[in-house]
Every structure is written in structure tokens, then in C-alpha cells.
């Protein structure tokens, strides 16, 4: 089985991002993981010439609240895309399934409702170690991947106008 590094990408394939504006919604739950995702996303956006003042960050209590926090961005802030960062780790109950399903449906619905990129950067892992591995560990940082996806989707929208 091949191990995917979430931070690996070809810089030549990343569109110019100067002038793009991003909202980032981050879950406070599992904050040691989500803070690392946020750091990866912001670092990547800055690396591709997004101005620091064009990155607006808001925290929500948990991953389930991410879709509503992201909707607030779409309604109240002028941003080109919203990055949704969270971490849900499997526990002993079905709570994991309900949260993951709700967040996934919520983010999907927002993409379609607002015709704007809402990028899914939610880790859904079986263990805490798996989350660490995907938040700056041996598999890279899902925050990096989320930022790259956001830049590419904003650029795609621009090419279609």
C-alpha cells in the first residue's frame, strides 16, 4: 500500500493566488490537531502569495458547527473560498458516524447553495495517532492539501467567468 503525503504537490500546478481571499473555520475540539491543520493551511496560502490580511480565521466549538460557521462566512464576509478544518476521532459509540455524516452533508450543501468552494479539511480517523500522522506527521498535513484545493477551486471559478 502506498502512503500518501497530504503535503506533496507540484508547485508548477498551483495557480497564482495573489488577491484571493479565504475564510477558515476551525474546530476547537481536538485543538492540538486542528491548530496544526490551521498552521499548515495558512503557511501554504502565504507561500502562494495570499496576503495575510486576506485570510480570515474563525473558531467554532466542534466539527459539527463547522458548516454553520462556514455559512456565516459566505453570508457576512467577502471571501472567495472557505476552508473547513476539523478532526473527528472514532470513539466507542456511533456519535462519530453522526458527526461525520452531518459535517459532510453540511459542507456539500454549502458548496451547492452558494456556488462557492467550501473545502473539506476534516480528518475522520480511527485513532488519535492517525490524526497526528495527517496533521503534520508522517502523512503530511491535511491543512496544506485543503489550502491547495481552495486555491485551485478559486482559480477554476475565475477561468469559467
N, C-alpha and C. Protein backbone atom coordinates (compact mmCIF):
# COMPACT_ATOMS: atom_id res chain seq x y z
N UNK A 1 0.83 -1.18 0.00
CA UNK A 1 0.00 0.00 0.00
C UNK A 1 0.88 1.25 0.00
N UNK A 2 0.59 2.19 -0.86
CA UNK A 2 1.35 3.42 -0.97
C UNK A 2 0.87 4.42 0.07
N UNK A 3 1.80 5.08 0.74
CA UNK A 3 1.47 6.10 1.72
C UNK A 3 1.40 7.44 1.01
N UNK A 4 0.28 8.13 1.17
CA UNK A 4 0.11 9.44 0.54
C UNK A 4 0.55 10.53 1.51
N UNK A 5 1.39 11.41 1.01
CA UNK A 5 1.78 12.58 1.77
C UNK A 5 0.84 13.71 1.38
N UNK A 6 0.01 14.15 2.31
CA UNK A 6 -1.01 15.16 2.04
C UNK A 6 -0.41 16.52 1.69
N UNK A 7 0.86 16.71 1.98
CA UNK A 7 1.53 17.97 1.70
C UNK A 7 2.28 17.97 0.38
N UNK A 8 2.34 16.83 -0.28
CA UNK A 8 3.08 16.74 -1.54
C UNK A 8 2.24 17.27 -2.69
N UNK A 9 2.81 18.20 -3.41
CA UNK A 9 2.16 18.74 -4.60
C UNK A 9 3.24 19.37 -5.49
N UNK A 10 2.89 19.55 -6.73
CA UNK A 10 3.81 20.14 -7.69
C UNK A 10 3.55 21.65 -7.74
N UNK A 11 4.48 22.47 -7.25
CA UNK A 11 4.25 23.92 -7.23
C UNK A 11 3.92 24.51 -8.60
N UNK A 12 4.39 23.89 -9.66
CA UNK A 12 4.10 24.40 -11.01
C UNK A 12 2.62 24.25 -11.36
N UNK A 13 1.91 23.38 -10.63
CA UNK A 13 0.49 23.16 -10.90
C UNK A 13 -0.43 24.02 -10.05
N UNK A 14 0.15 24.87 -9.19
CA UNK A 14 -0.64 25.70 -8.30
C UNK A 14 -0.83 27.07 -8.95
N UNK A 15 -2.07 27.50 -9.14
CA UNK A 15 -2.33 28.80 -9.78
C UNK A 15 -1.86 29.97 -8.90
N UNK A 16 -1.72 31.10 -9.53
CA UNK A 16 -1.37 32.34 -8.85
C UNK A 16 -2.50 32.69 -7.89
N UNK A 17 -2.19 33.02 -6.63
CA UNK A 17 -3.23 33.24 -5.62
C UNK A 17 -3.27 34.67 -5.07
N UNK A 18 -2.43 35.55 -5.59
CA UNK A 18 -2.43 36.93 -5.12
C UNK A 18 -3.80 37.55 -5.36
N UNK A 19 -4.36 38.18 -4.35
CA UNK A 19 -5.67 38.82 -4.46
C UNK A 19 -6.83 37.92 -4.07
N UNK A 20 -6.58 36.64 -3.90
CA UNK A 20 -7.65 35.73 -3.45
C UNK A 20 -7.87 35.94 -1.96
N UNK A 21 -9.13 35.79 -1.54
CA UNK A 21 -9.50 35.96 -0.13
C UNK A 21 -10.11 34.66 0.40
N UNK A 22 -9.66 34.28 1.59
CA UNK A 22 -10.09 33.00 2.17
C UNK A 22 -10.60 33.17 3.58
N UNK A 23 -11.67 32.45 3.87
CA UNK A 23 -12.14 32.28 5.23
C UNK A 23 -11.74 30.89 5.69
N UNK A 24 -11.39 30.78 6.95
CA UNK A 24 -11.05 29.47 7.51
C UNK A 24 -11.87 29.28 8.78
N UNK A 25 -12.62 28.18 8.82
CA UNK A 25 -13.39 27.81 10.00
C UNK A 25 -12.70 26.61 10.63
N UNK A 26 -12.38 26.73 11.92
CA UNK A 26 -11.60 25.70 12.60
C UNK A 26 -12.32 25.24 13.87
N UNK A 27 -12.35 23.94 14.07
CA UNK A 27 -12.96 23.37 15.26
C UNK A 27 -12.03 23.48 16.46
N UNK A 28 -12.61 23.90 17.61
CA UNK A 28 -11.86 23.92 18.86
C UNK A 28 -11.66 22.51 19.41
N UNK A 29 -12.55 21.60 19.05
CA UNK A 29 -12.46 20.22 19.55
C UNK A 29 -11.24 19.55 18.92
N UNK A 30 -10.47 18.83 19.68
CA UNK A 30 -9.20 18.25 19.23
C UNK A 30 -8.26 19.35 18.75
N UNK A 31 -8.20 20.43 19.52
CA UNK A 31 -7.47 21.63 19.10
C UNK A 31 -5.98 21.41 18.85
N UNK A 32 -5.37 20.45 19.53
CA UNK A 32 -3.96 20.19 19.25
C UNK A 32 -3.79 19.73 17.80
N UNK A 33 -4.76 19.02 17.28
CA UNK A 33 -4.74 18.57 15.88
C UNK A 33 -5.18 19.72 14.96
N UNK A 34 -6.29 20.37 15.29
CA UNK A 34 -6.84 21.39 14.38
C UNK A 34 -5.93 22.62 14.28
N UNK A 35 -5.24 22.92 15.35
CA UNK A 35 -4.29 24.05 15.28
C UNK A 35 -3.18 23.75 14.28
N UNK A 36 -2.72 22.51 14.25
CA UNK A 36 -1.70 22.11 13.28
C UNK A 36 -2.25 22.17 11.85
N UNK A 37 -3.50 21.75 11.67
CA UNK A 37 -4.13 21.86 10.35
C UNK A 37 -4.20 23.32 9.91
N UNK A 38 -4.59 24.18 10.85
CA UNK A 38 -4.68 25.62 10.56
C UNK A 38 -3.31 26.18 10.19
N UNK A 39 -2.29 25.85 10.96
CA UNK A 39 -0.94 26.33 10.66
C UNK A 39 -0.49 25.89 9.27
N UNK A 40 -0.77 24.64 8.92
CA UNK A 40 -0.41 24.15 7.59
C UNK A 40 -1.15 24.89 6.49
N UNK A 41 -2.44 25.13 6.69
CA UNK A 41 -3.24 25.83 5.68
C UNK A 41 -2.75 27.27 5.49
N UNK A 42 -2.56 27.98 6.59
CA UNK A 42 -2.12 29.38 6.50
C UNK A 42 -0.73 29.47 5.87
N UNK A 43 0.17 28.62 6.30
CA UNK A 43 1.53 28.62 5.74
C UNK A 43 1.49 28.39 4.22
N UNK A 44 0.65 27.47 3.78
CA UNK A 44 0.54 27.18 2.35
C UNK A 44 -0.07 28.34 1.59
N UNK A 45 -1.13 28.94 2.13
CA UNK A 45 -1.73 30.10 1.46
C UNK A 45 -0.71 31.22 1.32
N UNK A 46 0.03 31.50 2.37
CA UNK A 46 1.05 32.56 2.31
C UNK A 46 2.14 32.22 1.30
N UNK A 47 2.52 30.94 1.24
CA UNK A 47 3.56 30.51 0.30
C UNK A 47 3.14 30.80 -1.14
N UNK A 48 1.85 30.77 -1.41
CA UNK A 48 1.37 31.01 -2.77
C UNK A 48 0.80 32.41 -2.95
N UNK A 49 1.39 33.36 -2.19
CA UNK A 49 1.19 34.80 -2.36
C UNK A 49 -0.17 35.33 -1.92
N UNK A 50 -0.90 34.61 -1.10
CA UNK A 50 -2.09 35.18 -0.50
C UNK A 50 -1.62 36.14 0.59
N UNK A 51 -2.17 37.35 0.60
CA UNK A 51 -1.80 38.32 1.62
C UNK A 51 -2.39 37.91 2.97
N UNK A 52 -1.63 38.13 4.03
CA UNK A 52 -2.09 37.75 5.37
C UNK A 52 -3.44 38.37 5.71
N UNK A 53 -3.66 39.61 5.29
CA UNK A 53 -4.94 40.29 5.58
C UNK A 53 -6.11 39.71 4.77
N UNK A 54 -5.81 38.84 3.81
CA UNK A 54 -6.85 38.18 3.01
C UNK A 54 -7.18 36.78 3.54
N UNK A 55 -6.72 36.50 4.76
CA UNK A 55 -7.03 35.23 5.43
C UNK A 55 -7.75 35.57 6.73
N UNK A 56 -9.01 35.16 6.82
CA UNK A 56 -9.85 35.45 7.99
C UNK A 56 -10.16 34.13 8.69
N UNK A 57 -9.82 34.02 9.96
CA UNK A 57 -9.95 32.77 10.70
C UNK A 57 -11.00 32.92 11.80
N UNK A 58 -11.88 31.91 11.90
CA UNK A 58 -12.88 31.88 12.96
C UNK A 58 -12.93 30.48 13.56
N UNK A 59 -13.03 30.42 14.87
CA UNK A 59 -13.10 29.15 15.59
C UNK A 59 -14.55 28.84 15.94
N UNK A 60 -14.92 27.57 15.87
CA UNK A 60 -16.23 27.09 16.29
C UNK A 60 -16.01 25.99 17.33
N UNK A 61 -17.02 25.69 18.17
CA UNK A 61 -16.80 24.73 19.26
C UNK A 61 -16.40 23.33 18.81
N UNK A 62 -17.02 22.80 17.78
CA UNK A 62 -16.72 21.43 17.34
C UNK A 62 -16.89 21.29 15.85
N UNK A 63 -16.58 20.11 15.33
CA UNK A 63 -16.69 19.88 13.89
C UNK A 63 -18.13 19.99 13.40
N UNK A 64 -19.09 19.60 14.22
CA UNK A 64 -20.49 19.68 13.81
C UNK A 64 -20.90 21.12 13.52
N UNK A 65 -20.28 22.08 14.17
CA UNK A 65 -20.60 23.50 13.98
C UNK A 65 -19.90 24.13 12.78
N UNK A 66 -18.99 23.41 12.16
CA UNK A 66 -18.24 23.97 11.03
C UNK A 66 -19.15 24.42 9.88
N UNK A 67 -20.12 23.63 9.44
CA UNK A 67 -20.95 24.10 8.33
C UNK A 67 -21.66 25.44 8.61
N UNK A 68 -22.19 25.62 9.80
CA UNK A 68 -22.85 26.89 10.10
C UNK A 68 -21.84 28.03 10.17
N UNK A 69 -20.68 27.78 10.78
CA UNK A 69 -19.63 28.80 10.79
C UNK A 69 -19.21 29.16 9.38
N UNK A 70 -19.12 28.17 8.51
CA UNK A 70 -18.76 28.42 7.11
C UNK A 70 -19.86 29.19 6.40
N UNK A 71 -21.10 28.89 6.71
CA UNK A 71 -22.22 29.64 6.11
C UNK A 71 -22.17 31.11 6.53
N UNK A 72 -21.84 31.37 7.78
CA UNK A 72 -21.69 32.76 8.23
C UNK A 72 -20.66 33.49 7.38
N UNK A 73 -19.55 32.83 7.05
CA UNK A 73 -18.56 33.45 6.17
C UNK A 73 -19.19 33.81 4.83
N UNK A 74 -19.91 32.87 4.25
CA UNK A 74 -20.50 33.09 2.93
C UNK A 74 -21.51 34.24 2.96
N UNK A 75 -22.21 34.38 4.06
CA UNK A 75 -23.24 35.41 4.16
C UNK A 75 -22.70 36.78 4.57
N UNK A 76 -21.64 36.79 5.38
CA UNK A 76 -21.20 38.04 6.00
C UNK A 76 -19.85 38.57 5.54
N UNK A 77 -19.04 37.74 4.95
CA UNK A 77 -17.68 38.15 4.58
C UNK A 77 -17.47 37.98 3.08
N UNK A 78 -16.65 38.85 2.51
CA UNK A 78 -16.33 38.72 1.09
C UNK A 78 -15.08 37.85 0.97
N UNK A 79 -15.32 36.57 0.78
CA UNK A 79 -14.22 35.63 0.60
C UNK A 79 -14.49 34.81 -0.67
N UNK A 80 -13.42 34.33 -1.26
CA UNK A 80 -13.53 33.53 -2.48
C UNK A 80 -13.76 32.06 -2.19
N UNK A 81 -13.27 31.59 -1.04
CA UNK A 81 -13.44 30.20 -0.65
C UNK A 81 -13.34 30.11 0.87
N UNK A 82 -13.93 29.05 1.41
CA UNK A 82 -13.90 28.80 2.84
C UNK A 82 -13.28 27.44 3.08
N UNK A 83 -12.23 27.42 3.91
CA UNK A 83 -11.58 26.17 4.30
C UNK A 83 -12.21 25.70 5.61
N UNK A 84 -12.62 24.46 5.66
CA UNK A 84 -13.27 23.88 6.84
C UNK A 84 -12.33 22.86 7.46
N UNK A 85 -11.82 23.17 8.66
CA UNK A 85 -10.80 22.33 9.30
C UNK A 85 -11.31 21.78 10.63
N UNK A 86 -11.26 20.47 10.74
CA UNK A 86 -11.69 19.82 11.97
C UNK A 86 -11.10 18.43 12.08
N UNK A 87 -11.43 17.78 13.20
CA UNK A 87 -10.91 16.44 13.44
C UNK A 87 -11.93 15.67 14.28
N UNK A 88 -12.38 14.55 13.73
CA UNK A 88 -13.31 13.67 14.44
C UNK A 88 -12.61 12.31 14.56
N UNK A 89 -12.47 11.85 15.80
CA UNK A 89 -11.78 10.58 16.06
C UNK A 89 -12.80 9.57 16.56
N UNK A 90 -12.77 8.39 15.97
CA UNK A 90 -13.71 7.31 16.33
C UNK A 90 -13.63 7.02 17.83
N UNK A 91 -14.80 6.94 18.43
CA UNK A 91 -14.88 6.55 19.85
C UNK A 91 -15.61 5.23 19.96
N UNK A 92 -16.18 4.99 21.10
CA UNK A 92 -16.86 3.73 21.36
C UNK A 92 -18.33 3.73 20.96
N UNK A 93 -18.86 4.89 20.57
CA UNK A 93 -20.27 4.98 20.22
C UNK A 93 -20.43 5.40 18.76
N UNK A 94 -21.68 5.46 18.32
CA UNK A 94 -21.97 5.86 16.93
C UNK A 94 -21.91 7.37 16.73
N UNK A 95 -21.61 8.10 17.76
CA UNK A 95 -21.52 9.56 17.68
C UNK A 95 -20.63 9.99 16.51
N UNK A 96 -19.52 9.30 16.34
CA UNK A 96 -18.58 9.55 15.25
C UNK A 96 -19.31 9.56 13.90
N UNK A 97 -20.14 8.55 13.66
CA UNK A 97 -20.86 8.42 12.38
C UNK A 97 -21.80 9.61 12.16
N UNK A 98 -22.52 9.99 13.21
CA UNK A 98 -23.47 11.10 13.07
C UNK A 98 -22.77 12.42 12.81
N UNK A 99 -21.69 12.66 13.52
CA UNK A 99 -20.94 13.91 13.32
C UNK A 99 -20.34 13.95 11.92
N UNK A 100 -19.68 12.88 11.51
CA UNK A 100 -19.06 12.85 10.18
C UNK A 100 -20.10 13.02 9.08
N UNK A 101 -21.22 12.33 9.20
CA UNK A 101 -22.28 12.45 8.19
C UNK A 101 -22.83 13.87 8.14
N UNK A 102 -23.11 14.45 9.31
CA UNK A 102 -23.66 15.81 9.36
C UNK A 102 -22.72 16.84 8.77
N UNK A 103 -21.45 16.75 9.12
CA UNK A 103 -20.46 17.72 8.62
C UNK A 103 -20.29 17.56 7.10
N UNK A 104 -20.21 16.34 6.64
CA UNK A 104 -20.04 16.09 5.20
C UNK A 104 -21.23 16.63 4.42
N UNK A 105 -22.42 16.31 4.86
CA UNK A 105 -23.63 16.81 4.17
C UNK A 105 -23.70 18.33 4.23
N UNK A 106 -23.38 18.88 5.39
CA UNK A 106 -23.44 20.33 5.54
C UNK A 106 -22.49 21.05 4.60
N UNK A 107 -21.27 20.60 4.52
CA UNK A 107 -20.29 21.24 3.65
C UNK A 107 -20.67 21.05 2.18
N UNK A 108 -21.12 19.87 1.83
CA UNK A 108 -21.57 19.61 0.45
C UNK A 108 -22.71 20.56 0.08
N UNK A 109 -23.68 20.68 0.95
CA UNK A 109 -24.82 21.56 0.69
C UNK A 109 -24.39 23.01 0.51
N UNK A 110 -23.43 23.47 1.30
CA UNK A 110 -22.95 24.85 1.19
C UNK A 110 -22.30 25.11 -0.16
N UNK A 111 -21.51 24.17 -0.65
CA UNK A 111 -20.89 24.32 -1.97
C UNK A 111 -21.96 24.61 -3.02
N UNK A 112 -23.02 23.86 -2.97
CA UNK A 112 -24.07 23.97 -3.98
C UNK A 112 -24.95 25.20 -3.75
N UNK A 113 -25.28 25.49 -2.50
CA UNK A 113 -26.15 26.62 -2.18
C UNK A 113 -25.51 27.95 -2.58
N UNK A 114 -24.23 28.11 -2.29
CA UNK A 114 -23.57 29.39 -2.51
C UNK A 114 -22.73 29.42 -3.78
N UNK A 115 -22.61 28.31 -4.47
CA UNK A 115 -21.77 28.23 -5.66
C UNK A 115 -20.39 28.83 -5.39
N UNK A 116 -19.83 28.38 -4.29
CA UNK A 116 -18.54 28.87 -3.81
C UNK A 116 -17.82 27.68 -3.20
N UNK A 117 -16.50 27.62 -3.31
CA UNK A 117 -15.79 26.48 -2.73
C UNK A 117 -15.77 26.50 -1.20
N UNK A 118 -16.30 25.46 -0.61
CA UNK A 118 -16.18 25.16 0.81
C UNK A 118 -15.35 23.89 0.86
N UNK A 119 -14.12 23.99 1.29
CA UNK A 119 -13.17 22.88 1.16
C UNK A 119 -13.18 22.02 2.42
N UNK A 120 -13.35 20.72 2.20
CA UNK A 120 -13.46 19.74 3.27
C UNK A 120 -12.08 19.38 3.79
N UNK A 121 -11.74 19.90 4.94
CA UNK A 121 -10.46 19.59 5.59
C UNK A 121 -10.69 18.97 6.96
N UNK A 122 -11.64 18.04 7.02
CA UNK A 122 -11.99 17.38 8.27
C UNK A 122 -11.30 16.02 8.32
N UNK A 123 -10.47 15.81 9.30
CA UNK A 123 -9.88 14.49 9.50
C UNK A 123 -10.93 13.60 10.17
N UNK A 124 -11.12 12.41 9.63
CA UNK A 124 -12.04 11.43 10.22
C UNK A 124 -11.24 10.15 10.40
N UNK A 125 -10.69 9.99 11.58
CA UNK A 125 -9.73 8.91 11.81
C UNK A 125 -10.23 7.94 12.87
N UNK A 126 -9.64 6.78 12.88
CA UNK A 126 -9.95 5.76 13.88
C UNK A 126 -9.22 6.01 15.19
N UNK A 127 -8.04 6.64 15.10
CA UNK A 127 -7.24 6.83 16.31
C UNK A 127 -6.62 8.23 16.33
N UNK A 128 -6.22 8.62 17.54
CA UNK A 128 -5.53 9.88 17.72
C UNK A 128 -4.23 9.90 16.93
N UNK A 129 -3.50 8.78 16.92
CA UNK A 129 -2.24 8.70 16.19
C UNK A 129 -2.45 8.93 14.69
N UNK A 130 -3.51 8.37 14.13
CA UNK A 130 -3.82 8.60 12.71
C UNK A 130 -4.04 10.09 12.45
N UNK A 131 -4.71 10.77 13.38
CA UNK A 131 -4.92 12.21 13.23
C UNK A 131 -3.59 12.96 13.26
N UNK A 132 -2.73 12.61 14.22
CA UNK A 132 -1.40 13.24 14.28
C UNK A 132 -0.62 13.03 13.00
N UNK A 133 -0.71 11.82 12.45
CA UNK A 133 0.02 11.49 11.22
C UNK A 133 -0.43 12.34 10.05
N UNK A 134 -1.67 12.85 10.09
CA UNK A 134 -2.24 13.63 8.99
C UNK A 134 -2.28 15.13 9.29
N UNK A 135 -1.76 15.50 10.44
CA UNK A 135 -1.75 16.90 10.85
C UNK A 135 -0.31 17.35 11.08
N UNK A 136 0.54 17.04 10.13
CA UNK A 136 1.94 17.42 10.21
C UNK A 136 2.87 16.26 10.51
N UNK A 137 2.32 15.05 10.58
CA UNK A 137 3.13 13.87 10.85
C UNK A 137 3.58 13.18 9.58
N UNK A 138 3.69 11.86 9.64
CA UNK A 138 4.29 11.10 8.55
C UNK A 138 3.49 11.14 7.24
N UNK A 139 2.23 11.53 7.30
CA UNK A 139 1.43 11.65 6.07
C UNK A 139 1.28 13.10 5.62
N UNK A 140 2.06 14.00 6.18
CA UNK A 140 1.98 15.40 5.79
C UNK A 140 0.91 16.11 6.60
N UNK A 141 0.32 17.15 6.01
CA UNK A 141 -0.66 17.96 6.73
C UNK A 141 -1.87 18.20 5.84
N UNK A 142 -3.02 17.72 6.28
CA UNK A 142 -4.27 17.91 5.54
C UNK A 142 -4.58 19.40 5.36
N UNK A 143 -4.09 20.24 6.25
CA UNK A 143 -4.26 21.68 6.10
C UNK A 143 -3.61 22.20 4.82
N UNK A 144 -2.42 21.69 4.50
CA UNK A 144 -1.74 22.05 3.25
C UNK A 144 -2.62 21.69 2.05
N UNK A 145 -3.09 20.45 2.06
CA UNK A 145 -3.91 19.96 0.95
C UNK A 145 -5.19 20.78 0.81
N UNK A 146 -5.78 21.15 1.92
CA UNK A 146 -7.00 21.95 1.90
C UNK A 146 -6.74 23.31 1.28
N UNK A 147 -5.63 23.95 1.63
CA UNK A 147 -5.29 25.25 1.07
C UNK A 147 -5.04 25.17 -0.44
N UNK A 148 -4.32 24.15 -0.87
CA UNK A 148 -4.05 23.98 -2.30
C UNK A 148 -5.37 23.77 -3.06
N UNK A 149 -6.25 22.96 -2.50
CA UNK A 149 -7.55 22.72 -3.15
C UNK A 149 -8.33 24.02 -3.25
N UNK A 150 -8.31 24.82 -2.19
CA UNK A 150 -9.03 26.10 -2.22
C UNK A 150 -8.49 27.02 -3.32
N UNK A 151 -7.18 27.14 -3.41
CA UNK A 151 -6.58 27.98 -4.45
C UNK A 151 -6.99 27.48 -5.83
N UNK A 152 -6.90 26.18 -6.04
CA UNK A 152 -7.24 25.63 -7.36
C UNK A 152 -8.72 25.84 -7.71
N UNK A 153 -9.59 25.73 -6.72
CA UNK A 153 -11.02 25.91 -7.00
C UNK A 153 -11.36 27.37 -7.28
N UNK A 154 -10.74 28.30 -6.56
CA UNK A 154 -10.96 29.72 -6.84
C UNK A 154 -10.46 30.04 -8.25
N UNK A 155 -9.30 29.53 -8.61
CA UNK A 155 -8.76 29.76 -9.95
C UNK A 155 -9.66 29.16 -11.02
N UNK A 156 -10.18 27.97 -10.77
CA UNK A 156 -11.12 27.35 -11.72
C UNK A 156 -12.34 28.24 -11.93
N UNK A 157 -12.90 28.73 -10.85
CA UNK A 157 -14.06 29.62 -10.95
C UNK A 157 -13.73 30.85 -11.79
N UNK A 158 -12.55 31.40 -11.56
CA UNK A 158 -12.12 32.58 -12.33
C UNK A 158 -11.99 32.30 -13.81
N UNK A 159 -11.51 31.12 -14.15
CA UNK A 159 -11.37 30.76 -15.58
C UNK A 159 -12.72 30.52 -16.25
N UNK A 160 -13.73 30.23 -15.46
CA UNK A 160 -15.04 29.91 -16.03
C UNK A 160 -15.91 31.16 -16.20
N UNK A 161 -15.50 32.26 -15.61
CA UNK A 161 -16.29 33.50 -15.73
C UNK A 161 -16.05 34.16 -17.07
